N, C-alpha and C. Protein backbone atom coordinates (compact mmCIF):
# COMPACT_ATOMS: atom_id res chain seq x y z
N UNK A 1 79.72 6.36 70.10
CA UNK A 1 79.46 7.08 68.80
C UNK A 1 78.21 6.56 68.10
N UNK A 2 78.07 5.23 68.00
CA UNK A 2 76.87 4.74 67.39
C UNK A 2 75.57 4.97 68.26
N UNK A 3 75.77 4.94 69.55
CA UNK A 3 74.65 5.37 70.38
C UNK A 3 74.06 6.73 70.05
N UNK A 4 74.94 7.64 69.66
CA UNK A 4 74.64 8.98 69.33
C UNK A 4 73.75 8.95 67.98
N UNK A 5 74.18 8.03 67.05
CA UNK A 5 73.50 7.90 65.84
C UNK A 5 72.08 7.48 66.06
N UNK A 6 71.85 6.51 66.96
CA UNK A 6 70.50 6.13 67.36
C UNK A 6 69.66 7.28 67.98
N UNK A 7 70.35 8.06 68.78
CA UNK A 7 69.76 9.29 69.41
C UNK A 7 69.28 10.29 68.21
N UNK A 8 70.13 10.45 67.28
CA UNK A 8 69.80 11.34 66.14
C UNK A 8 68.61 10.71 65.38
N UNK A 9 68.54 9.43 65.19
CA UNK A 9 67.41 8.73 64.54
C UNK A 9 66.18 8.88 65.35
N UNK A 10 66.29 8.88 66.61
CA UNK A 10 65.15 9.07 67.56
C UNK A 10 64.48 10.48 67.38
N UNK A 11 65.36 11.44 67.31
CA UNK A 11 65.03 12.89 67.08
C UNK A 11 64.35 13.05 65.71
N UNK A 12 64.97 12.35 64.75
CA UNK A 12 64.33 12.38 63.38
C UNK A 12 62.99 11.83 63.37
N UNK A 13 62.81 10.73 64.08
CA UNK A 13 61.43 10.09 64.06
C UNK A 13 60.50 10.99 64.74
N UNK A 14 60.92 11.71 65.88
CA UNK A 14 60.03 12.65 66.57
C UNK A 14 59.65 13.79 65.70
N UNK A 15 60.61 14.31 64.88
CA UNK A 15 60.18 15.40 64.00
C UNK A 15 59.20 14.89 62.96
N UNK A 16 59.44 13.77 62.49
CA UNK A 16 58.42 13.14 61.49
C UNK A 16 57.04 12.92 62.08
N UNK A 17 57.08 12.45 63.33
CA UNK A 17 55.77 12.26 64.06
C UNK A 17 54.99 13.50 64.16
N UNK A 18 55.74 14.56 64.61
CA UNK A 18 55.06 15.86 64.69
C UNK A 18 54.60 16.44 63.30
N UNK A 19 55.50 16.26 62.32
CA UNK A 19 55.19 16.73 60.96
C UNK A 19 53.92 16.11 60.42
N UNK A 20 53.84 14.82 60.67
CA UNK A 20 52.64 14.05 60.07
C UNK A 20 51.35 14.28 61.01
N UNK A 21 51.59 14.31 62.29
CA UNK A 21 50.52 14.46 63.16
C UNK A 21 49.79 15.74 63.10
N UNK A 22 50.45 16.74 62.59
CA UNK A 22 49.79 18.08 62.52
C UNK A 22 48.73 18.03 61.50
N UNK A 23 48.66 17.11 60.61
CA UNK A 23 47.58 16.88 59.63
C UNK A 23 46.28 16.03 60.14
N UNK A 24 46.41 15.66 61.42
CA UNK A 24 45.28 14.80 61.84
C UNK A 24 43.97 15.45 61.86
N UNK A 25 43.94 16.72 62.18
CA UNK A 25 42.65 17.46 62.15
C UNK A 25 42.08 17.54 60.77
N UNK A 26 42.99 17.76 59.73
CA UNK A 26 42.42 17.89 58.42
C UNK A 26 42.02 16.45 57.88
N UNK A 27 42.74 15.42 58.25
CA UNK A 27 42.45 14.07 57.73
C UNK A 27 42.55 13.08 58.89
N UNK A 28 41.55 12.89 59.70
CA UNK A 28 41.64 12.05 60.94
C UNK A 28 41.44 10.60 60.65
N UNK A 29 41.92 10.16 59.46
CA UNK A 29 41.84 8.68 59.07
C UNK A 29 43.09 7.95 59.07
N UNK A 30 43.15 6.78 58.36
CA UNK A 30 44.39 6.01 58.38
C UNK A 30 45.47 6.72 57.66
N UNK A 31 45.21 7.50 56.72
CA UNK A 31 46.37 8.14 55.95
C UNK A 31 47.24 8.92 56.83
N UNK A 32 46.76 9.51 57.77
CA UNK A 32 47.64 10.30 58.79
C UNK A 32 47.91 9.64 60.02
N UNK A 33 46.83 8.93 60.58
CA UNK A 33 47.00 8.32 61.89
C UNK A 33 48.15 7.19 61.92
N UNK A 34 48.14 6.40 60.94
CA UNK A 34 49.08 5.28 60.98
C UNK A 34 50.57 5.79 60.89
N UNK A 35 50.97 6.62 60.02
CA UNK A 35 52.30 7.19 60.10
C UNK A 35 52.70 7.87 61.37
N UNK A 36 51.74 8.60 61.88
CA UNK A 36 51.95 9.28 63.20
C UNK A 36 52.33 8.28 64.32
N UNK A 37 51.51 7.23 64.41
CA UNK A 37 51.74 6.19 65.39
C UNK A 37 53.01 5.41 65.21
N UNK A 38 53.24 5.09 63.92
CA UNK A 38 54.58 4.38 63.66
C UNK A 38 55.81 5.25 63.94
N UNK A 39 55.78 6.46 63.53
CA UNK A 39 56.97 7.38 63.90
C UNK A 39 57.11 7.52 65.36
N UNK A 40 55.94 7.72 66.08
CA UNK A 40 56.07 7.97 67.52
C UNK A 40 56.63 6.65 68.23
N UNK A 41 56.19 5.51 67.77
CA UNK A 41 56.83 4.24 68.32
C UNK A 41 58.24 4.04 68.04
N UNK A 42 58.67 4.52 66.98
CA UNK A 42 60.18 4.44 66.49
C UNK A 42 60.98 5.47 67.34
N UNK A 43 60.38 6.48 67.79
CA UNK A 43 61.08 7.40 68.71
C UNK A 43 61.52 6.61 69.96
N UNK A 44 60.63 5.84 70.49
CA UNK A 44 61.00 4.97 71.73
C UNK A 44 61.93 3.90 71.26
N UNK A 45 61.77 3.31 70.23
CA UNK A 45 62.60 2.15 69.82
C UNK A 45 64.06 2.70 69.65
N UNK A 46 64.28 3.79 68.93
CA UNK A 46 65.74 4.29 68.81
C UNK A 46 66.25 4.91 70.07
N UNK A 47 65.30 5.48 70.88
CA UNK A 47 65.73 6.11 72.09
C UNK A 47 66.21 5.07 73.08
N UNK A 48 65.53 3.94 73.23
CA UNK A 48 65.97 2.89 74.14
C UNK A 48 67.31 2.37 73.83
N UNK A 49 67.48 2.14 72.45
CA UNK A 49 68.80 1.58 71.93
C UNK A 49 69.90 2.65 72.27
N UNK A 50 69.60 3.89 72.09
CA UNK A 50 70.65 4.97 72.29
C UNK A 50 71.00 4.99 73.73
N UNK A 51 70.14 4.64 74.67
CA UNK A 51 70.38 4.70 76.11
C UNK A 51 70.88 3.42 76.54
N UNK A 52 70.84 2.34 75.82
CA UNK A 52 71.15 0.99 76.34
C UNK A 52 72.44 0.85 77.02
N UNK A 53 73.53 1.35 76.55
CA UNK A 53 74.82 1.25 77.17
C UNK A 53 74.96 1.99 78.45
N UNK A 54 74.23 3.10 78.51
CA UNK A 54 74.25 3.88 79.72
C UNK A 54 73.38 3.30 80.87
N UNK A 55 72.32 2.60 80.43
CA UNK A 55 71.40 2.03 81.49
C UNK A 55 72.00 0.73 81.93
N UNK A 56 72.62 -0.07 80.99
CA UNK A 56 73.18 -1.34 81.32
C UNK A 56 72.19 -2.50 81.35
N UNK A 57 72.74 -3.63 81.07
CA UNK A 57 71.84 -4.87 81.07
C UNK A 57 71.24 -5.14 82.37
N UNK A 58 69.89 -5.53 82.41
CA UNK A 58 69.22 -5.77 83.62
C UNK A 58 67.78 -5.50 83.55
N UNK A 59 66.98 -5.60 84.63
CA UNK A 59 65.49 -5.50 84.56
C UNK A 59 65.05 -4.17 84.01
N UNK A 60 65.78 -3.14 84.24
CA UNK A 60 65.24 -1.83 83.76
C UNK A 60 65.35 -1.74 82.21
N UNK A 61 66.40 -2.05 81.62
CA UNK A 61 66.54 -1.92 80.23
C UNK A 61 65.58 -2.98 79.57
N UNK A 62 65.46 -4.17 80.21
CA UNK A 62 64.59 -5.21 79.65
C UNK A 62 63.21 -4.70 79.67
N UNK A 63 62.72 -4.07 80.73
CA UNK A 63 61.44 -3.56 80.76
C UNK A 63 61.13 -2.42 79.73
N UNK A 64 62.18 -1.57 79.60
CA UNK A 64 62.09 -0.50 78.60
C UNK A 64 61.98 -1.07 77.10
N UNK A 65 62.65 -2.21 77.03
CA UNK A 65 62.61 -2.83 75.61
C UNK A 65 61.41 -3.48 75.22
N UNK A 66 60.59 -3.96 76.24
CA UNK A 66 59.39 -4.75 75.83
C UNK A 66 58.45 -3.87 74.92
N UNK A 67 58.17 -2.60 75.16
CA UNK A 67 57.37 -1.85 74.25
C UNK A 67 57.83 -1.80 72.82
N UNK A 68 59.29 -1.89 72.69
CA UNK A 68 59.70 -1.86 71.31
C UNK A 68 59.15 -3.02 70.40
N UNK A 69 58.97 -4.19 71.08
CA UNK A 69 58.57 -5.40 70.30
C UNK A 69 57.02 -5.33 70.19
N UNK A 70 56.37 -4.88 71.24
CA UNK A 70 54.86 -4.79 71.16
C UNK A 70 54.52 -3.87 70.12
N UNK A 71 55.12 -2.72 70.01
CA UNK A 71 54.80 -1.74 68.96
C UNK A 71 55.03 -2.29 67.54
N UNK A 72 56.18 -2.89 67.39
CA UNK A 72 56.42 -3.53 66.02
C UNK A 72 55.42 -4.46 65.63
N UNK A 73 55.02 -5.37 66.67
CA UNK A 73 54.08 -6.34 66.31
C UNK A 73 52.75 -5.88 66.01
N UNK A 74 52.35 -4.77 66.66
CA UNK A 74 50.92 -4.32 66.45
C UNK A 74 50.81 -3.16 65.40
N UNK A 75 51.80 -2.38 65.28
CA UNK A 75 51.82 -1.21 64.36
C UNK A 75 52.28 -1.44 62.97
N UNK A 76 53.37 -2.16 62.90
CA UNK A 76 53.99 -2.32 61.47
C UNK A 76 52.96 -2.89 60.44
N UNK A 77 52.20 -3.89 60.85
CA UNK A 77 51.24 -4.41 59.77
C UNK A 77 50.16 -3.41 59.36
N UNK A 78 49.89 -2.35 60.18
CA UNK A 78 48.93 -1.37 59.85
C UNK A 78 49.28 -0.53 58.66
N UNK A 79 50.60 -0.66 58.19
CA UNK A 79 51.04 0.00 57.02
C UNK A 79 50.40 -0.70 55.68
N UNK A 80 49.91 -1.91 55.88
CA UNK A 80 49.21 -2.52 54.78
C UNK A 80 47.88 -1.78 54.57
N UNK A 81 47.19 -1.48 55.58
CA UNK A 81 45.93 -0.73 55.52
C UNK A 81 46.25 0.67 55.10
N UNK A 82 47.37 1.20 55.56
CA UNK A 82 47.86 2.60 55.20
C UNK A 82 48.06 2.69 53.60
N UNK A 83 48.66 1.60 53.09
CA UNK A 83 48.95 1.56 51.63
C UNK A 83 47.68 1.66 50.83
N UNK A 84 46.66 0.84 51.27
CA UNK A 84 45.48 0.99 50.56
C UNK A 84 44.79 2.26 50.66
N UNK A 85 44.85 2.90 51.88
CA UNK A 85 44.31 4.24 52.01
C UNK A 85 45.02 5.27 51.14
N UNK A 86 46.36 5.20 51.07
CA UNK A 86 47.18 6.06 50.24
C UNK A 86 46.74 5.90 48.78
N UNK A 87 46.51 4.65 48.34
CA UNK A 87 46.12 4.37 46.99
C UNK A 87 44.74 4.96 46.68
N UNK A 88 43.89 4.93 47.62
CA UNK A 88 42.58 5.52 47.52
C UNK A 88 42.62 7.00 47.28
N UNK A 89 43.39 7.64 48.25
CA UNK A 89 43.52 9.03 48.18
C UNK A 89 44.24 9.55 46.93
N UNK A 90 45.07 8.64 46.33
CA UNK A 90 45.77 9.01 45.13
C UNK A 90 44.80 8.82 43.86
N UNK A 91 43.62 8.36 44.10
CA UNK A 91 42.60 8.22 43.05
C UNK A 91 42.56 6.88 42.33
N UNK A 92 43.17 5.89 42.90
CA UNK A 92 43.22 4.61 42.25
C UNK A 92 41.87 3.91 42.55
N UNK A 93 40.98 3.67 41.58
CA UNK A 93 39.59 3.23 41.86
C UNK A 93 39.66 1.75 42.19
N UNK A 94 40.60 0.97 41.91
CA UNK A 94 40.62 -0.40 42.27
C UNK A 94 40.78 -0.55 43.76
N UNK A 95 41.50 0.46 44.40
CA UNK A 95 41.70 0.36 45.82
C UNK A 95 40.45 0.49 46.59
N UNK A 96 39.40 1.08 45.94
CA UNK A 96 38.17 1.29 46.62
C UNK A 96 37.23 0.14 46.69
N UNK A 97 37.53 -0.94 45.96
CA UNK A 97 36.65 -2.03 45.92
C UNK A 97 36.67 -2.86 47.07
N UNK A 98 35.56 -3.66 47.32
CA UNK A 98 35.44 -4.57 48.48
C UNK A 98 36.60 -5.59 48.52
N UNK A 99 36.94 -6.12 47.31
CA UNK A 99 37.97 -7.11 47.28
C UNK A 99 39.28 -6.63 47.78
N UNK A 100 39.68 -5.48 47.43
CA UNK A 100 41.04 -4.84 47.80
C UNK A 100 40.94 -4.62 49.31
N UNK A 101 39.82 -4.11 49.76
CA UNK A 101 39.74 -3.80 51.29
C UNK A 101 39.74 -5.12 52.03
N UNK A 102 38.97 -6.14 51.52
CA UNK A 102 38.98 -7.39 52.22
C UNK A 102 40.33 -8.02 52.28
N UNK A 103 41.06 -7.99 51.16
CA UNK A 103 42.41 -8.59 51.18
C UNK A 103 43.36 -7.84 52.09
N UNK A 104 43.21 -6.44 52.13
CA UNK A 104 44.09 -5.75 53.03
C UNK A 104 43.89 -6.00 54.52
N UNK A 105 42.56 -6.13 54.92
CA UNK A 105 42.16 -6.35 56.21
C UNK A 105 42.65 -7.72 56.70
N UNK A 106 42.38 -8.75 55.78
CA UNK A 106 42.79 -10.08 56.05
C UNK A 106 44.22 -10.17 56.27
N UNK A 107 45.05 -9.63 55.35
CA UNK A 107 46.50 -9.69 55.40
C UNK A 107 47.00 -9.04 56.68
N UNK A 108 46.43 -7.86 57.05
CA UNK A 108 46.84 -7.12 58.21
C UNK A 108 46.58 -8.01 59.47
N UNK A 109 45.42 -8.57 59.53
CA UNK A 109 45.13 -9.45 60.74
C UNK A 109 46.15 -10.59 60.85
N UNK A 110 46.41 -11.23 59.68
CA UNK A 110 47.39 -12.38 59.63
C UNK A 110 48.79 -11.93 60.13
N UNK A 111 49.22 -10.74 59.62
CA UNK A 111 50.58 -10.17 60.01
C UNK A 111 50.53 -9.84 61.61
N UNK A 112 49.49 -9.16 62.00
CA UNK A 112 49.40 -8.86 63.43
C UNK A 112 49.54 -10.13 64.26
N UNK A 113 48.79 -11.16 63.93
CA UNK A 113 48.76 -12.39 64.64
C UNK A 113 50.19 -12.95 64.70
N UNK A 114 50.75 -12.98 63.55
CA UNK A 114 52.23 -13.52 63.46
C UNK A 114 53.12 -12.76 64.42
N UNK A 115 52.99 -11.40 64.41
CA UNK A 115 53.81 -10.56 65.19
C UNK A 115 53.54 -10.77 66.72
N UNK A 116 52.25 -10.92 67.02
CA UNK A 116 51.88 -11.19 68.50
C UNK A 116 52.47 -12.53 68.96
N UNK A 117 52.44 -13.52 68.09
CA UNK A 117 52.97 -14.84 68.46
C UNK A 117 54.42 -14.74 68.69
N UNK A 118 55.04 -14.03 67.80
CA UNK A 118 56.53 -13.98 67.97
C UNK A 118 57.03 -13.02 68.89
N UNK A 119 56.66 -11.77 68.87
CA UNK A 119 57.13 -10.73 69.55
C UNK A 119 56.46 -10.30 70.95
N UNK A 120 55.33 -10.91 71.07
CA UNK A 120 54.59 -10.64 72.46
C UNK A 120 54.44 -11.95 73.16
N UNK A 121 53.75 -12.87 72.66
CA UNK A 121 53.55 -14.16 73.41
C UNK A 121 54.85 -15.01 73.46
N UNK A 122 55.57 -14.94 72.44
CA UNK A 122 56.80 -15.74 72.44
C UNK A 122 58.07 -14.99 72.70
N UNK A 123 57.90 -13.76 73.32
CA UNK A 123 59.19 -12.84 73.45
C UNK A 123 60.06 -13.49 74.44
N UNK A 124 61.32 -13.61 74.03
CA UNK A 124 62.49 -14.15 74.88
C UNK A 124 63.68 -13.20 74.64
N UNK A 125 63.76 -12.28 75.61
CA UNK A 125 64.79 -11.13 75.41
C UNK A 125 66.15 -11.72 75.81
N UNK A 126 67.12 -11.15 75.01
CA UNK A 126 68.49 -11.48 75.27
C UNK A 126 69.35 -10.31 75.02
N UNK A 127 70.18 -9.90 75.90
CA UNK A 127 71.05 -8.68 75.78
C UNK A 127 72.10 -8.97 74.71
N UNK A 128 72.29 -7.98 73.84
CA UNK A 128 73.23 -8.15 72.73
C UNK A 128 73.95 -6.85 72.48
N UNK A 129 75.29 -6.92 72.38
CA UNK A 129 76.10 -5.72 72.21
C UNK A 129 76.41 -5.64 70.76
N UNK A 130 76.40 -4.43 70.20
CA UNK A 130 76.85 -4.22 68.75
C UNK A 130 77.38 -2.81 68.71
N UNK A 131 78.74 -2.74 68.27
CA UNK A 131 79.34 -1.42 68.05
C UNK A 131 79.17 -0.48 69.17
N UNK A 132 79.42 -0.96 70.42
CA UNK A 132 79.37 -0.08 71.61
C UNK A 132 77.87 0.27 71.99
N UNK A 133 76.97 -0.43 71.43
CA UNK A 133 75.55 -0.24 71.88
C UNK A 133 75.12 -1.46 72.61
N UNK A 134 74.06 -1.30 73.42
CA UNK A 134 73.60 -2.50 74.15
C UNK A 134 72.06 -2.51 73.94
N UNK A 135 71.43 -3.55 73.42
CA UNK A 135 70.03 -3.67 73.19
C UNK A 135 69.63 -5.00 73.51
N UNK A 136 68.29 -5.22 73.70
CA UNK A 136 67.71 -6.52 73.86
C UNK A 136 67.12 -6.92 72.54
N UNK A 137 67.43 -8.20 72.13
CA UNK A 137 66.75 -8.74 70.94
C UNK A 137 65.93 -9.92 71.36
N UNK A 138 64.97 -10.23 70.46
CA UNK A 138 64.01 -11.39 70.66
C UNK A 138 64.78 -12.64 70.26
N UNK A 139 65.07 -13.53 71.16
CA UNK A 139 65.73 -14.82 70.88
C UNK A 139 64.82 -15.92 70.60
N UNK A 140 63.48 -15.66 70.52
CA UNK A 140 62.58 -16.67 70.25
C UNK A 140 62.81 -17.49 68.97
N UNK A 141 62.72 -18.76 69.11
CA UNK A 141 62.90 -19.57 67.87
C UNK A 141 61.55 -19.71 67.08
N UNK A 142 61.45 -18.92 66.10
CA UNK A 142 60.09 -18.86 65.33
C UNK A 142 60.36 -18.54 63.87
N UNK A 143 59.83 -19.29 62.95
CA UNK A 143 60.06 -18.92 61.56
C UNK A 143 59.28 -17.73 61.11
N UNK A 144 58.37 -17.25 61.90
CA UNK A 144 57.59 -16.02 61.45
C UNK A 144 58.19 -14.74 61.95
N UNK A 145 59.38 -14.75 62.69
CA UNK A 145 60.01 -13.59 63.22
C UNK A 145 59.99 -12.35 62.34
N UNK A 146 60.76 -12.36 61.21
CA UNK A 146 60.79 -11.24 60.45
C UNK A 146 59.83 -11.05 59.28
N UNK A 147 58.94 -12.11 59.21
CA UNK A 147 57.99 -12.19 58.14
C UNK A 147 57.01 -11.00 58.08
N UNK A 148 56.41 -10.55 59.23
CA UNK A 148 55.49 -9.40 59.11
C UNK A 148 56.04 -8.20 58.53
N UNK A 149 57.33 -7.88 58.93
CA UNK A 149 58.05 -6.72 58.49
C UNK A 149 58.39 -6.80 57.00
N UNK A 150 58.74 -8.00 56.55
CA UNK A 150 59.17 -8.24 55.18
C UNK A 150 57.85 -8.01 54.25
N UNK A 151 56.80 -8.77 54.64
CA UNK A 151 55.56 -8.62 53.85
C UNK A 151 55.15 -7.15 53.77
N UNK A 152 55.17 -6.65 54.92
CA UNK A 152 54.59 -5.15 54.96
C UNK A 152 55.45 -4.25 54.03
N UNK A 153 56.70 -4.46 54.16
CA UNK A 153 57.60 -3.61 53.34
C UNK A 153 57.32 -3.79 51.88
N UNK A 154 57.14 -5.03 51.43
CA UNK A 154 56.82 -5.36 50.03
C UNK A 154 55.44 -4.81 49.67
N UNK A 155 54.51 -4.78 50.54
CA UNK A 155 53.19 -4.18 50.21
C UNK A 155 53.32 -2.70 50.01
N UNK A 156 53.98 -1.98 50.91
CA UNK A 156 54.17 -0.58 50.75
C UNK A 156 54.92 -0.30 49.44
N UNK A 157 55.95 -1.05 49.20
CA UNK A 157 56.77 -0.84 47.91
C UNK A 157 55.85 -1.01 46.68
N UNK A 158 55.01 -2.12 46.72
CA UNK A 158 54.06 -2.35 45.61
C UNK A 158 53.03 -1.20 45.40
N UNK A 159 52.59 -0.70 46.56
CA UNK A 159 51.64 0.44 46.48
C UNK A 159 52.38 1.63 45.97
N UNK A 160 53.60 1.88 46.39
CA UNK A 160 54.36 3.05 45.90
C UNK A 160 54.62 3.02 44.42
N UNK A 161 54.91 1.71 43.86
CA UNK A 161 55.01 1.62 42.39
C UNK A 161 53.74 1.91 41.67
N UNK A 162 52.69 1.36 42.21
CA UNK A 162 51.34 1.53 41.56
C UNK A 162 50.95 3.02 41.49
N UNK A 163 51.26 3.73 42.68
CA UNK A 163 50.93 5.20 42.77
C UNK A 163 51.81 5.88 41.86
N UNK A 164 53.03 5.57 41.76
CA UNK A 164 54.05 6.23 40.84
C UNK A 164 53.53 6.15 39.42
N UNK A 165 53.20 4.96 38.97
CA UNK A 165 52.74 4.70 37.57
C UNK A 165 51.50 5.44 37.21
N UNK A 166 50.61 5.66 38.26
CA UNK A 166 49.30 6.15 38.03
C UNK A 166 49.27 7.66 38.08
N UNK A 167 50.14 8.32 39.03
CA UNK A 167 50.15 9.65 39.29
C UNK A 167 51.43 10.48 38.98
N UNK A 168 52.54 9.66 38.94
CA UNK A 168 53.78 10.35 38.70
C UNK A 168 54.50 10.64 40.05
N UNK A 169 53.84 10.41 41.06
CA UNK A 169 54.49 10.54 42.46
C UNK A 169 55.36 9.49 42.80
N UNK A 170 56.69 9.74 42.86
CA UNK A 170 57.69 8.65 42.96
C UNK A 170 58.23 8.40 44.31
N UNK A 171 58.00 9.27 45.27
CA UNK A 171 58.77 9.22 46.48
C UNK A 171 58.38 8.07 47.41
N UNK A 172 57.14 7.58 47.42
CA UNK A 172 56.76 6.45 48.18
C UNK A 172 57.49 5.27 47.65
N UNK A 173 57.51 5.12 46.38
CA UNK A 173 58.25 3.94 45.79
C UNK A 173 59.75 3.98 46.15
N UNK A 174 60.32 5.11 45.92
CA UNK A 174 61.83 5.23 46.19
C UNK A 174 62.19 4.96 47.67
N UNK A 175 61.41 5.53 48.58
CA UNK A 175 61.73 5.29 50.00
C UNK A 175 61.48 3.97 50.46
N UNK A 176 60.36 3.28 50.02
CA UNK A 176 60.05 1.95 50.28
C UNK A 176 61.21 0.98 49.65
N UNK A 177 61.63 1.32 48.58
CA UNK A 177 62.68 0.45 47.87
C UNK A 177 64.00 0.58 48.70
N UNK A 178 64.29 1.69 49.27
CA UNK A 178 65.45 1.90 50.16
C UNK A 178 65.27 1.07 51.37
N UNK A 179 64.14 1.05 52.00
CA UNK A 179 63.82 0.31 53.18
C UNK A 179 64.01 -1.18 52.90
N UNK A 180 63.40 -1.65 51.81
CA UNK A 180 63.46 -3.09 51.48
C UNK A 180 64.82 -3.52 51.24
N UNK A 181 65.64 -2.69 50.56
CA UNK A 181 66.99 -2.96 50.28
C UNK A 181 67.93 -3.10 51.46
N UNK A 182 67.75 -2.19 52.38
CA UNK A 182 68.61 -2.24 53.59
C UNK A 182 68.18 -3.20 54.69
N UNK A 183 66.97 -3.69 54.52
CA UNK A 183 66.50 -4.55 55.56
C UNK A 183 67.26 -5.80 55.64
N UNK A 184 67.73 -6.35 54.49
CA UNK A 184 68.60 -7.56 54.57
C UNK A 184 69.89 -7.34 55.36
N UNK A 185 70.50 -6.23 55.08
CA UNK A 185 71.83 -5.90 55.74
C UNK A 185 71.56 -5.61 57.18
N UNK A 186 70.38 -5.23 57.54
CA UNK A 186 70.16 -4.74 58.94
C UNK A 186 70.48 -5.84 60.02
N UNK A 187 70.44 -7.14 59.58
CA UNK A 187 70.73 -8.24 60.44
C UNK A 187 72.17 -8.14 60.96
N UNK A 188 73.05 -7.75 60.06
CA UNK A 188 74.52 -7.60 60.50
C UNK A 188 74.78 -6.22 60.95
N UNK A 189 74.09 -5.27 60.37
CA UNK A 189 74.39 -3.85 60.79
C UNK A 189 73.03 -3.20 61.21
N UNK A 190 72.62 -3.44 62.40
CA UNK A 190 71.33 -2.99 62.86
C UNK A 190 70.92 -1.49 62.52
N UNK A 191 71.93 -0.66 62.63
CA UNK A 191 71.65 0.81 62.41
C UNK A 191 71.13 1.10 61.07
N UNK A 192 71.46 0.23 60.06
CA UNK A 192 70.93 0.43 58.76
C UNK A 192 69.46 0.29 58.72
N UNK A 193 68.90 -0.68 59.44
CA UNK A 193 67.40 -0.95 59.46
C UNK A 193 66.71 0.32 60.01
N UNK A 194 67.29 0.81 61.17
CA UNK A 194 66.69 1.96 61.78
C UNK A 194 66.76 3.18 60.86
N UNK A 195 67.84 3.37 60.22
CA UNK A 195 67.99 4.49 59.33
C UNK A 195 67.02 4.31 58.13
N UNK A 196 66.87 3.02 57.63
CA UNK A 196 65.91 2.85 56.58
C UNK A 196 64.49 3.22 56.90
N UNK A 197 64.23 2.96 58.30
CA UNK A 197 62.85 3.32 58.77
C UNK A 197 62.64 4.76 58.63
N UNK A 198 63.68 5.65 59.01
CA UNK A 198 63.59 7.03 58.82
C UNK A 198 63.24 7.48 57.40
N UNK A 199 63.99 6.77 56.42
CA UNK A 199 63.86 7.10 55.05
C UNK A 199 62.45 6.73 54.57
N UNK A 200 61.99 5.49 54.95
CA UNK A 200 60.58 5.11 54.59
C UNK A 200 59.56 6.15 55.19
N UNK A 201 59.73 6.63 56.47
CA UNK A 201 58.76 7.47 57.08
C UNK A 201 58.71 8.83 56.44
N UNK A 202 59.98 9.31 55.83
CA UNK A 202 59.92 10.50 55.01
C UNK A 202 59.03 10.22 53.93
N UNK A 203 59.09 9.09 53.28
CA UNK A 203 58.20 8.84 52.18
C UNK A 203 56.79 8.80 52.53
N UNK A 204 56.46 8.31 53.73
CA UNK A 204 54.97 8.27 54.25
C UNK A 204 54.53 9.81 54.38
N UNK A 205 55.44 10.60 54.94
CA UNK A 205 55.05 12.01 55.15
C UNK A 205 54.83 12.75 53.94
N UNK A 206 55.70 12.46 52.84
CA UNK A 206 55.59 13.16 51.55
C UNK A 206 54.31 12.71 50.87
N UNK A 207 53.97 11.43 51.03
CA UNK A 207 52.72 10.91 50.46
C UNK A 207 51.52 11.50 51.14
N UNK A 208 51.51 11.64 52.49
CA UNK A 208 50.37 12.39 53.15
C UNK A 208 50.26 13.71 52.60
N UNK A 209 51.28 14.46 52.57
CA UNK A 209 51.21 15.86 52.09
C UNK A 209 50.75 15.94 50.61
N UNK A 210 51.20 14.95 49.77
CA UNK A 210 50.74 15.02 48.40
C UNK A 210 49.31 14.73 48.24
N UNK A 211 48.71 13.78 49.00
CA UNK A 211 47.43 13.35 48.71
C UNK A 211 46.41 13.62 49.86
N UNK A 212 46.83 14.55 50.76
CA UNK A 212 45.94 14.96 51.92
C UNK A 212 44.73 15.64 51.26
N UNK A 213 43.58 15.24 51.75
CA UNK A 213 42.30 15.87 51.22
C UNK A 213 42.26 17.34 51.68
N UNK A 214 41.80 18.16 50.81
CA UNK A 214 41.68 19.58 51.13
C UNK A 214 40.30 19.87 51.73
N UNK A 215 40.18 20.97 52.45
CA UNK A 215 38.92 21.27 53.03
C UNK A 215 37.89 21.63 51.94
N UNK A 216 36.57 21.47 52.26
CA UNK A 216 35.53 21.69 51.24
C UNK A 216 35.58 23.20 50.65
N UNK A 217 35.99 24.11 51.64
CA UNK A 217 36.10 25.57 51.15
C UNK A 217 37.18 25.76 50.11
N UNK A 218 38.35 25.08 50.44
CA UNK A 218 39.55 25.17 49.52
C UNK A 218 39.21 24.39 48.16
N UNK A 219 38.48 23.21 48.43
CA UNK A 219 38.09 22.54 47.21
C UNK A 219 37.27 23.33 46.29
N UNK A 220 36.27 24.10 46.83
CA UNK A 220 35.43 24.91 46.01
C UNK A 220 36.22 26.04 45.28
N UNK A 221 37.34 26.40 45.92
CA UNK A 221 38.19 27.39 45.34
C UNK A 221 39.14 26.85 44.25
N UNK A 222 39.06 25.49 44.05
CA UNK A 222 39.88 24.86 42.98
C UNK A 222 41.25 24.44 43.52
N UNK A 223 41.51 24.40 44.76
CA UNK A 223 42.81 23.96 45.28
C UNK A 223 42.87 22.45 45.33
N UNK A 224 43.93 21.83 44.64
CA UNK A 224 44.16 20.49 44.69
C UNK A 224 45.07 20.08 45.90
N UNK A 225 45.10 18.78 46.23
CA UNK A 225 46.00 18.45 47.36
C UNK A 225 47.45 18.78 47.07
N UNK A 226 47.88 18.66 45.80
CA UNK A 226 49.30 18.96 45.57
C UNK A 226 49.57 20.43 45.69
N UNK A 227 48.59 21.26 45.35
CA UNK A 227 48.80 22.79 45.49
C UNK A 227 48.71 23.18 46.97
N UNK A 228 47.89 22.38 47.68
CA UNK A 228 47.72 22.77 49.03
C UNK A 228 48.92 22.35 49.88
N UNK A 229 49.63 21.28 49.49
CA UNK A 229 50.76 20.81 50.23
C UNK A 229 51.92 20.56 49.28
N UNK A 230 52.63 21.62 48.90
CA UNK A 230 53.62 21.47 47.82
C UNK A 230 54.85 20.65 48.34
């Protein structure tokens, strides 16, 4: 039963990846590219967990699981840069300064490095069963394990709050708050973390649609991003 839930979450992430990715031509920058990559990686993440019990513990499932950790290590911190890009597109002038960009790049590099040390170089896979599912978890002893995801979630939440207070757009703040709230419980109930990722990615999609730049022709016609993507 729970395996089916993960399968549904994989389908949801696929739909989100397609929904965000269709805007790549209109805005081929971080605003669209990062959520597309994150959603696509989470399709694999949820799909492998959904198939875990059917595949069974062993070299095959272990090999299929490695990309889950690599993707989390390399892609999750990019949401820090995405948050800055979203703030820029929302018209927050402070987000366009060199200081903000330098801080975002520096923090992203640090979080990627921490993720690489824990989830790639230090990866120690161990099979774990939970509620009739079978998945591999990283058993590496490292204090930096959940740190990149936690810091990234707080950055996205902070950006969502700032965007909300500046523009009235609330959905990024709401969905990021849901993700941060359920992340603590995800240690005991893993499916909550994966479901929270879907909720957050819905917020990313809504943010992309709200602040997606319009084409020059439509801009001359007076069409705003909100009107172009209701």
